Amino acid sequence: MPDWLALYYENPLELTHGEGRHVWDADGNRYLDFFGGILTTMTAHALPEVAKAVSEQAGRLIHSSTLYLNRPMVELAERIAALSGIPDARVFFTTSGTEANDAALLLATAYRRSNQILAMRNSYHGRSFTTVSVTGNRGWSPTSLSPLQTYYVHGAVRTRGPFAALSDAEFTAAAVADLEDVLGQARGSVAALIAEPVQGVGGFTSPPDGLYAAFREVLDRHGILWISDEVQTGWGRTGDHFWGWQAHDRGGPPDMLTFAKGIGNGMSIGGVVARAEVMNCLDTNSISTFGGSPVTMAAGLANLGYLLEHDLQGNARRVGGLLLERLRAAAASVPAVREVRGRGLMAAVELTRPGTDQADPDAASAVLEAARRGGLLLGKGGGHNTSVLRIAPPMSLTVAEAEEGADIIEQALRSIV
């Protein structure tokens, strides 16, 4: 394995099996999982409905490629297109969020005949050559070489940067003015803005509601497409909305949205939804060998059905609200906590050196280790040296499990005081 393939914990953890919201390691230790394999185990570990769908499909046919008709792929595409909010939608399946964003950038640049892209500061969109070139987080962008000309815009981080002291309305106005100024520097047409409604790797940061709607008014004047990166925010995880873009829906749905992670509940599914005019703009042949495979599509159908039938979006809103309240109460007496933020079951605790805005990645690592000793798995992130604890359990989390996890996080935070 390469040296840059990071592992959590001083003594890395081997997970052997899971059930519900819990996982077990090779030593038999049981953990409450508050990270879900990076927001991917969306419903539950070893969900019987998904396991059954995978097993039954694998017993019939595992692989065929997109050269053949594939009923599970068509059925899942129909459901996602209807849920997307995008009129006359088309769906293309990939195997990951990176590949989904890569495909969206291909479509945008082909449709607009431009390689110029707008992206947000502190953003993350994947690890391919094109997606690292629109990633505004230096810790995840290993090369300055790029096939794209990228311009980075303010606005995705509410509590840091030059606009942090402004009111929400003033913040939005300043970000729009910055966008207009950036467009004034571009040479000719710009293809698209790609943006996460809530930045994932960046530490679950988000702008004021409505900012991307205000951006959309500017984009529409210039014919620029809007790509909403819903790889981490989709499927109701934010609680109030099924998609993250819906917090900014005054301007209507995006031209494209990308998805991955949670829809497969661990199976490799990603994809792009776009209005037909954009999706069908390619004038060459293309296929996908593994995107939309029969087994992953069967898993996605079963997982999406479970999520909708059990109103996991509503559960994310209710239980996530409780969890955020508990985290804020726990953090109130911990000087190292700069901010607790989040939506639904996307919660973050940002750690800094007490009395400053200086990131403290060592404190974040110490809390991560302490939480593990207490029986809880968390994630890390943030645009300032991974000093943010990321909390994103399966969306079926119970109130009792939220309380248990909050207690462990409180004790872990107190261990660094």
Protein backbone atom coordinates (compact mmCIF):
# COMPACT_ATOMS: atom_id res chain seq x y z
CA MET A 1 0.00 0.00 0.00
CA PRO A 2 1.24 3.56 -0.65
CA ASP A 3 2.59 5.72 2.16
CA TRP A 4 -0.15 8.32 1.57
CA LEU A 5 -2.93 5.85 2.35
CA ALA A 6 -3.79 7.13 5.82
CA LEU A 7 -5.10 5.07 8.74
CA TYR A 8 -6.92 6.34 11.81
CA TYR A 9 -5.51 5.78 15.32
CA GLU A 10 -2.05 5.17 16.73
CA ASN A 11 -2.87 1.47 16.72
CA PRO A 12 -4.96 1.05 13.54
CA LEU A 13 -8.30 -0.67 13.82
CA GLU A 14 -9.41 -3.76 11.86
CA LEU A 15 -13.19 -3.97 11.64
CA THR A 16 -14.57 -7.45 11.18
CA HIS A 17 -18.37 -7.13 11.28
CA GLY A 18 -21.22 -4.83 12.14
CA GLU A 19 -24.90 -4.74 13.01
CA GLY A 20 -27.19 -1.74 13.18
CA ARG A 21 -25.16 1.21 14.44
CA HIS A 22 -22.35 -0.92 15.92
CA VAL A 23 -19.17 -2.53 14.62
CA TRP A 24 -16.65 -4.96 16.12
CA ASP A 25 -12.88 -5.12 15.72
CA ALA A 26 -10.57 -8.11 15.37
CA ASP A 27 -10.03 -8.17 19.15
CA GLY A 28 -13.74 -8.46 19.83
CA ASN A 29 -14.24 -4.86 20.98
CA ARG A 30 -17.64 -3.32 20.20
CA TYR A 31 -17.99 0.30 19.04
CA LEU A 32 -20.85 2.65 18.41
CA ASP A 33 -20.19 3.88 14.87
CA PHE A 34 -20.57 7.65 14.44
CA PHE A 35 -18.78 7.87 11.08
CA GLY A 36 -20.29 5.08 8.97
CA GLY A 37 -17.27 4.46 6.77
CA ILE A 38 -17.18 8.18 5.83
CA LEU A 39 -20.95 8.78 5.71
CA THR A 40 -21.46 5.65 3.61
CA THR A 41 -23.29 3.23 5.92
CA MET A 42 -26.43 5.31 5.61
CA THR A 43 -29.15 3.08 6.99
CA ALA A 44 -27.46 0.42 9.15
CA HIS A 45 -24.67 -2.13 9.17
CA ALA A 46 -25.73 -5.53 7.82
CA LEU A 47 -29.20 -4.24 6.97
CA PRO A 48 -31.16 -7.43 6.17
CA GLU A 49 -33.06 -5.88 3.27
CA VAL A 50 -29.85 -4.84 1.53
CA ALA A 51 -28.03 -8.09 2.31
CA LYS A 52 -30.93 -10.09 0.89
CA ALA A 53 -31.11 -7.99 -2.28
CA VAL A 54 -27.35 -8.37 -2.86
CA SER A 55 -27.42 -12.11 -2.23
CA GLU A 56 -30.39 -12.76 -4.49
CA GLN A 57 -28.99 -10.68 -7.35
CA ALA A 58 -25.53 -12.23 -6.99
CA GLY A 59 -27.16 -15.63 -7.29
CA ARG A 60 -28.64 -14.62 -10.64
CA LEU A 61 -26.10 -12.34 -12.33
CA ILE A 62 -23.24 -10.31 -10.90
CA HIS A 63 -22.02 -8.37 -13.91
CA SER A 64 -23.00 -7.40 -17.43
CA SER A 65 -21.81 -3.76 -18.11
CA THR A 66 -23.98 -1.02 -19.59
CA LEU A 67 -23.86 -2.69 -23.03
CA TYR A 68 -26.89 -4.73 -21.98
CA LEU A 69 -30.27 -3.80 -20.57
CA ASN A 70 -30.23 -3.83 -16.79
CA ARG A 71 -33.60 -3.67 -15.06
CA PRO A 72 -32.32 -2.75 -11.54
CA MET A 73 -30.30 0.13 -13.03
CA VAL A 74 -33.31 1.50 -14.93
CA GLU A 75 -35.55 1.20 -11.86
CA LEU A 76 -33.08 2.98 -9.59
CA ALA A 77 -32.48 5.68 -12.21
CA GLU A 78 -36.22 6.31 -12.43
CA ARG A 79 -36.53 6.67 -8.66
CA ILE A 80 -33.53 8.98 -8.35
CA ALA A 81 -34.61 11.11 -11.30
CA ALA A 82 -38.04 11.60 -9.71
CA LEU A 83 -36.49 12.48 -6.33
CA SER A 84 -33.87 14.83 -7.76
CA GLY A 85 -36.15 17.79 -8.48
CA ILE A 86 -34.40 18.28 -11.83
CA PRO A 87 -36.88 18.45 -14.72
CA ASP A 88 -36.50 15.94 -17.57
CA ALA A 89 -33.69 14.32 -15.60
CA ARG A 90 -31.25 11.70 -16.82
CA VAL A 91 -29.08 9.56 -14.53
CA PHE A 92 -25.63 8.13 -15.20
CA PHE A 93 -24.21 5.70 -12.65
CA THR A 94 -20.56 5.51 -11.61
CA THR A 95 -18.69 3.63 -8.90
CA SER A 96 -17.75 6.53 -6.59
CA GLY A 97 -18.26 10.17 -5.76
CA THR A 98 -14.92 11.04 -7.34
CA GLU A 99 -16.01 9.46 -10.61
CA ALA A 100 -19.43 11.13 -10.37
CA ASN A 101 -17.87 14.58 -10.01
CA ASP A 102 -15.41 13.79 -12.77
CA ALA A 103 -18.31 12.89 -15.08
CA ALA A 104 -20.19 16.07 -14.13
CA LEU A 105 -17.13 18.18 -14.98
CA LEU A 106 -16.81 16.38 -18.31
CA LEU A 107 -20.46 17.13 -19.11
CA ALA A 108 -20.20 20.77 -18.05
CA THR A 109 -17.04 21.50 -20.03
CA ALA A 110 -18.39 19.71 -23.12
CA TYR A 111 -21.75 21.45 -22.92
CA ARG A 112 -20.29 24.91 -22.38
CA ARG A 113 -17.17 24.40 -24.54
CA SER A 114 -15.05 25.80 -21.72
CA ASN A 115 -12.53 24.38 -19.27
CA GLN A 116 -13.06 27.17 -16.72
CA ILE A 117 -14.68 26.10 -13.45
CA LEU A 118 -15.81 27.94 -10.35
CA ALA A 119 -15.32 26.12 -7.05
CA MET A 120 -15.61 27.04 -3.39
CA ARG A 121 -12.73 27.64 -1.04
CA ASN A 122 -12.24 24.81 1.48
CA SER A 123 -14.00 22.36 -0.88
CA TYR A 124 -13.31 18.70 -1.61
CA HIS A 125 -14.62 16.85 -4.67
CA GLY A 126 -12.51 13.69 -5.02
CA ARG A 127 -9.06 12.34 -5.77
CA SER A 128 -8.98 12.07 -9.60
CA PHE A 129 -6.85 14.44 -11.69
CA THR A 130 -9.84 16.65 -12.52
CA THR A 131 -11.45 16.62 -9.08
CA VAL A 132 -8.30 17.54 -7.17
CA SER A 133 -8.01 20.48 -9.55
CA VAL A 134 -11.34 21.87 -8.26
CA THR A 135 -10.61 21.03 -4.62
CA GLY A 136 -10.07 24.18 -2.56
CA ASN A 137 -8.51 22.40 0.41
CA ARG A 138 -4.74 22.19 0.05
CA GLY A 139 -4.50 19.16 2.32
CA TRP A 140 -6.37 17.12 -0.32
CA SER A 141 -5.02 18.60 -3.56
CA PRO A 142 -1.60 17.03 -4.19
CA THR A 143 -0.77 18.73 -7.50
CA SER A 144 -1.10 22.18 -9.05
CA LEU A 145 -1.11 20.66 -12.52
CA SER A 146 -4.64 20.64 -13.90
CA PRO A 147 -6.71 20.15 -17.05
CA LEU A 148 -9.04 22.88 -15.76
CA GLN A 149 -8.78 26.58 -15.04
CA THR A 150 -10.29 26.92 -11.59
CA TYR A 151 -11.41 30.09 -9.80
CA TYR A 152 -12.15 29.83 -6.08
CA VAL A 153 -15.04 31.77 -4.59
CA HIS A 154 -15.79 32.85 -1.00
CA GLY A 155 -18.92 31.85 0.84
CA ALA A 156 -18.89 28.22 1.95
CA VAL A 157 -17.40 28.81 5.42
CA ARG A 158 -19.67 30.99 7.54
CA THR A 159 -17.52 31.57 10.62
CA ARG A 160 -14.03 32.06 9.14
CA GLY A 161 -12.54 34.39 6.56
CA PRO A 162 -13.05 38.05 5.70
CA PHE A 163 -16.86 37.94 5.83
CA ALA A 164 -17.24 36.07 9.14
CA ALA A 165 -18.28 39.12 11.19
CA LEU A 166 -21.10 40.08 8.81
CA SER A 167 -24.78 39.27 9.25
CA ASP A 168 -26.16 36.45 7.08
CA ALA A 169 -27.64 38.92 4.59
CA GLU A 170 -24.41 40.95 4.47
CA PHE A 171 -22.36 37.74 4.18
CA THR A 172 -24.42 36.59 1.19
CA ALA A 173 -24.19 39.99 -0.48
CA ALA A 174 -20.41 40.06 0.00
CA ALA A 175 -20.03 36.53 -1.41
CA VAL A 176 -22.15 37.45 -4.44
CA ALA A 177 -19.99 40.53 -4.99
CA ASP A 178 -16.90 38.33 -4.79
CA LEU A 179 -18.42 35.95 -7.36
CA GLU A 180 -19.10 38.86 -9.71
CA ASP A 181 -15.52 40.05 -9.25
CA VAL A 182 -14.09 36.58 -9.94
CA LEU A 183 -16.16 36.29 -13.13
CA GLY A 184 -14.65 39.58 -14.22
CA GLN A 185 -11.23 37.90 -14.17
CA ALA A 186 -12.28 34.91 -16.31
CA ARG A 187 -11.38 34.74 -19.98
CA GLY A 188 -14.53 34.10 -21.96
CA SER A 189 -17.22 31.70 -20.82
CA VAL A 190 -17.13 29.71 -17.58
CA ALA A 191 -18.52 26.18 -17.65
CA ALA A 192 -19.90 25.59 -14.16
CA LEU A 193 -19.86 26.21 -10.44
CA ILE A 194 -19.37 23.03 -8.42
CA ALA A 195 -20.25 23.31 -4.74
CA GLU A 196 -21.09 21.14 -1.75
CA PRO A 197 -24.18 22.47 0.09
CA VAL A 198 -22.41 21.36 3.28
CA GLN A 199 -18.69 20.83 2.87
CA GLY A 200 -17.78 17.31 3.94
CA VAL A 201 -14.02 16.88 4.20
CA GLY A 202 -13.86 20.63 4.87
CA GLY A 203 -15.41 20.04 8.29
CA PHE A 204 -19.20 20.19 7.76
CA THR A 205 -19.13 23.92 7.08
CA SER A 206 -21.97 25.64 5.23
CA PRO A 207 -23.05 29.09 4.07
CA PRO A 208 -26.23 30.89 5.10
CA ASP A 209 -29.35 29.33 3.58
CA GLY A 210 -30.09 30.91 0.23
CA LEU A 211 -26.51 31.76 -0.73
CA TYR A 212 -26.44 29.39 -3.71
CA ALA A 213 -29.82 30.72 -4.84
CA ALA A 214 -28.25 34.18 -4.87
CA PHE A 215 -25.27 32.77 -6.75
CA ARG A 216 -27.69 31.15 -9.21
CA GLU A 217 -29.05 34.54 -10.25
CA VAL A 218 -25.53 35.54 -11.29
CA LEU A 219 -24.77 32.19 -12.91
CA ASP A 220 -27.95 32.25 -14.97
CA ARG A 221 -27.08 35.66 -16.41
CA HIS A 222 -23.86 34.17 -17.73
CA GLY A 223 -25.28 30.77 -18.76
CA ILE A 224 -23.05 29.03 -16.20
CA LEU A 225 -24.17 25.60 -14.94
CA TRP A 226 -24.55 24.77 -11.25
CA ILE A 227 -23.34 21.35 -10.07
CA SER A 228 -24.48 20.48 -6.54
CA ASP A 229 -22.10 17.92 -5.02
CA GLU A 230 -24.47 15.85 -2.89
CA VAL A 231 -22.05 12.99 -2.24
CA GLN A 232 -22.25 13.59 1.52
CA THR A 233 -25.39 15.73 1.87
CA GLY A 234 -27.90 13.67 -0.12
CA TRP A 235 -30.68 11.27 0.86
CA GLY A 236 -32.03 13.32 3.78
CA ARG A 237 -28.96 13.29 6.01
CA THR A 238 -29.27 17.01 6.72
CA GLY A 239 -32.74 16.40 8.17
CA ASP A 240 -34.65 19.43 6.92
CA HIS A 241 -34.13 18.58 3.26
CA PHE A 242 -33.72 15.47 1.10
CA TRP A 243 -30.95 17.22 -0.87
CA GLY A 244 -28.59 19.86 0.42
CA TRP A 245 -29.41 22.18 -2.48
CA GLN A 246 -32.98 22.53 -1.20
CA ALA A 247 -31.75 24.92 1.51
CA HIS A 248 -31.05 27.25 -1.43
CA ASP A 249 -34.02 26.43 -3.64
CA ARG A 250 -35.26 29.95 -4.36
CA GLY A 251 -33.38 29.63 -7.65
CA GLY A 252 -34.75 26.18 -8.43
CA PRO A 253 -32.86 22.88 -8.71
CA PRO A 254 -29.27 22.66 -9.94
CA ASP A 255 -28.45 21.78 -13.53
CA MET A 256 -26.64 18.71 -12.21
CA LEU A 257 -26.29 16.94 -8.91
CA THR A 258 -23.80 14.25 -8.03
CA PHE A 259 -24.32 11.49 -5.48
CA ALA A 260 -22.55 8.46 -4.01
CA LYS A 261 -21.69 7.08 -0.56
CA GLY A 262 -24.95 6.53 1.35
CA ILE A 263 -27.14 5.28 -1.49
CA GLY A 264 -25.18 2.01 -1.68
CA ASN A 265 -24.88 1.53 2.10
CA GLY A 266 -21.37 0.25 1.44
CA MET A 267 -21.76 -0.95 -2.14
CA SER A 268 -19.89 1.11 -4.74
CA ILE A 269 -22.47 3.44 -6.26
CA GLY A 270 -22.08 7.00 -7.49
CA GLY A 271 -23.78 8.98 -10.17
CA VAL A 272 -24.78 12.17 -11.90
CA VAL A 273 -28.29 13.52 -12.41
CA ALA A 274 -28.63 16.18 -15.10
CA ARG A 275 -31.32 17.66 -17.25
CA ALA A 276 -31.45 15.82 -20.58
CA GLU A 277 -30.02 18.67 -22.64
CA VAL A 278 -26.84 18.61 -20.57
CA MET A 279 -26.56 14.85 -20.08
CA ASN A 280 -27.01 14.14 -23.79
CA CYS A 281 -24.47 16.72 -24.98
CA LEU A 282 -21.66 14.20 -25.51
CA ASP A 283 -21.23 13.32 -29.18
CA THR A 284 -18.94 10.30 -28.78
CA ASN A 285 -19.43 6.74 -27.58
CA SER A 286 -19.24 5.99 -23.88
CA ILE A 287 -20.08 3.09 -21.58
CA SER A 288 -19.44 2.04 -18.00
CA THR A 289 -18.00 -1.36 -17.19
CA PHE A 290 -18.83 -1.31 -13.50
CA GLY A 291 -21.11 1.70 -13.04
CA GLY A 292 -24.70 0.56 -12.54
CA SER A 293 -23.80 -3.10 -12.00
CA PRO A 294 -26.76 -5.41 -11.26
CA VAL A 295 -25.60 -6.17 -7.71
CA THR A 296 -24.94 -2.59 -6.65
CA MET A 297 -28.20 -1.41 -8.22
CA ALA A 298 -30.16 -4.08 -6.34
CA ALA A 299 -28.51 -2.87 -3.12
CA GLY A 300 -29.31 0.76 -3.94
CA LEU A 301 -32.97 -0.02 -4.61
CA ALA A 302 -33.34 -1.92 -1.35
CA ASN A 303 -31.48 0.73 0.63
CA LEU A 304 -33.40 3.66 -0.83
CA GLY A 305 -36.68 1.85 -0.26
CA TYR A 306 -35.80 1.26 3.39
CA LEU A 307 -34.76 4.89 3.87
CA LEU A 308 -38.03 6.22 2.45
CA GLU A 309 -40.34 3.68 4.10
CA HIS A 310 -38.83 4.31 7.54
CA ASP A 311 -38.59 8.12 7.16
CA LEU A 312 -34.90 8.22 8.01
CA GLN A 313 -34.80 11.85 6.90
CA GLY A 314 -37.26 12.65 9.68
CA ASN A 315 -35.19 10.60 12.09
CA ALA A 316 -32.07 12.53 11.07
CA ARG A 317 -33.89 15.77 11.83
CA ARG A 318 -35.24 14.66 15.21
CA VAL A 319 -32.33 12.64 16.57
CA GLY A 320 -29.77 14.90 14.92
CA GLY A 321 -31.30 17.93 16.62
CA LEU A 322 -31.07 16.19 19.98
CA LEU A 323 -27.47 15.18 19.34
CA LEU A 324 -26.45 18.71 18.38
CA GLU A 325 -28.02 20.10 21.56
CA ARG A 326 -26.13 17.57 23.65
CA LEU A 327 -22.85 18.33 21.87
CA ARG A 328 -23.24 22.07 22.39
CA ALA A 329 -23.95 21.54 26.07
CA ALA A 330 -20.94 19.22 26.42
CA ALA A 331 -18.63 21.65 24.62
CA ALA A 332 -19.68 24.75 26.54
CA SER A 333 -17.11 24.19 29.29
CA VAL A 334 -14.27 23.00 27.02
CA PRO A 335 -12.03 25.97 26.04
CA ALA A 336 -10.57 24.07 23.06
CA VAL A 337 -13.94 23.88 21.29
CA ARG A 338 -14.29 26.78 18.89
CA GLU A 339 -17.63 25.77 17.40
CA VAL A 340 -20.23 23.01 17.29
CA ARG A 341 -22.16 23.06 14.02
CA GLY A 342 -24.15 20.86 11.73
CA ARG A 343 -27.48 19.85 10.22
CA GLY A 344 -29.39 16.67 10.92
CA LEU A 345 -26.96 13.81 11.36
CA MET A 346 -23.99 15.82 10.05
CA ALA A 347 -22.41 17.31 13.17
CA ALA A 348 -18.97 18.79 13.71
CA VAL A 349 -16.88 19.92 16.67
CA GLU A 350 -14.04 22.28 15.71
CA LEU A 351 -11.03 22.35 18.03
CA THR A 352 -8.55 25.22 18.30
CA ARG A 353 -5.91 26.34 20.75
CA PRO A 354 -7.89 27.95 23.58
CA GLY A 355 -8.54 31.65 23.10
CA THR A 356 -7.43 31.63 19.46
CA ASP A 357 -8.62 30.61 16.00
CA GLN A 358 -5.49 28.50 15.51
CA ALA A 359 -6.38 24.93 14.56
CA ASP A 360 -5.33 22.18 16.95
CA PRO A 361 -5.06 18.89 15.08
CA ASP A 362 -3.29 17.27 18.03
CA ALA A 363 -6.32 17.92 20.23
CA ALA A 364 -8.61 16.46 17.57
CA SER A 365 -6.45 13.33 17.39
CA ALA A 366 -6.46 13.04 21.18
CA VAL A 367 -10.27 13.25 21.29
CA LEU A 368 -10.51 10.66 18.51
CA GLU A 369 -8.34 8.26 20.53
CA ALA A 370 -10.23 8.93 23.77
CA ALA A 371 -13.56 8.32 22.05
CA ARG A 372 -12.28 5.01 20.71
CA ARG A 373 -11.26 3.95 24.20
CA GLY A 374 -14.79 4.84 25.27
CA GLY A 375 -16.29 2.66 22.55
CA LEU A 376 -17.11 5.27 19.90
CA LEU A 377 -15.76 5.84 16.38
CA LEU A 378 -15.59 9.40 15.01
CA GLY A 379 -14.16 11.03 11.90
CA LYS A 380 -11.86 14.01 11.31
CA GLY A 381 -11.71 16.77 8.73
CA GLY A 382 -11.50 20.50 8.28
CA GLY A 383 -9.68 22.93 6.06
CA HIS A 384 -7.31 23.95 8.85
CA ASN A 385 -5.17 20.86 9.49
CA THR A 386 -7.93 18.33 10.28
CA SER A 387 -8.90 19.89 13.59
CA VAL A 388 -12.62 19.13 13.20
CA LEU A 389 -14.35 16.06 14.60
CA ARG A 390 -16.89 14.79 12.07
CA ILE A 391 -19.95 12.98 13.39
CA ALA A 392 -22.22 11.19 10.92
CA PRO A 393 -23.78 7.97 12.24
CA PRO A 394 -26.19 5.78 10.27
CA MET A 395 -29.48 7.61 9.85
CA SER A 396 -31.39 4.98 11.82
CA LEU A 397 -29.61 6.15 15.00
CA THR A 398 -31.83 5.88 18.07
CA VAL A 399 -32.28 8.47 20.80
CA ALA A 400 -30.59 6.16 23.30
CA GLU A 401 -27.59 5.71 20.98
CA ALA A 402 -27.37 9.46 20.42
CA GLU A 403 -27.31 10.00 24.19
CA GLU A 404 -24.68 7.30 24.64
CA GLY A 405 -22.48 8.76 21.90
CA ALA A 406 -22.83 12.29 23.28
CA ASP A 407 -21.77 11.08 26.73
CA ILE A 408 -18.65 9.46 25.29
CA ILE A 409 -17.78 12.58 23.27
CA GLU A 410 -18.24 14.73 26.38
CA GLN A 411 -15.83 12.56 28.35
CA ALA A 412 -13.37 12.55 25.45
CA LEU A 413 -13.47 16.35 25.23
CA ARG A 414 -12.96 16.69 28.96
CA SER A 415 -9.89 14.46 28.72
CA ILE A 416 -8.02 17.21 26.84
CA VAL A 417 -8.91 20.06 29.24
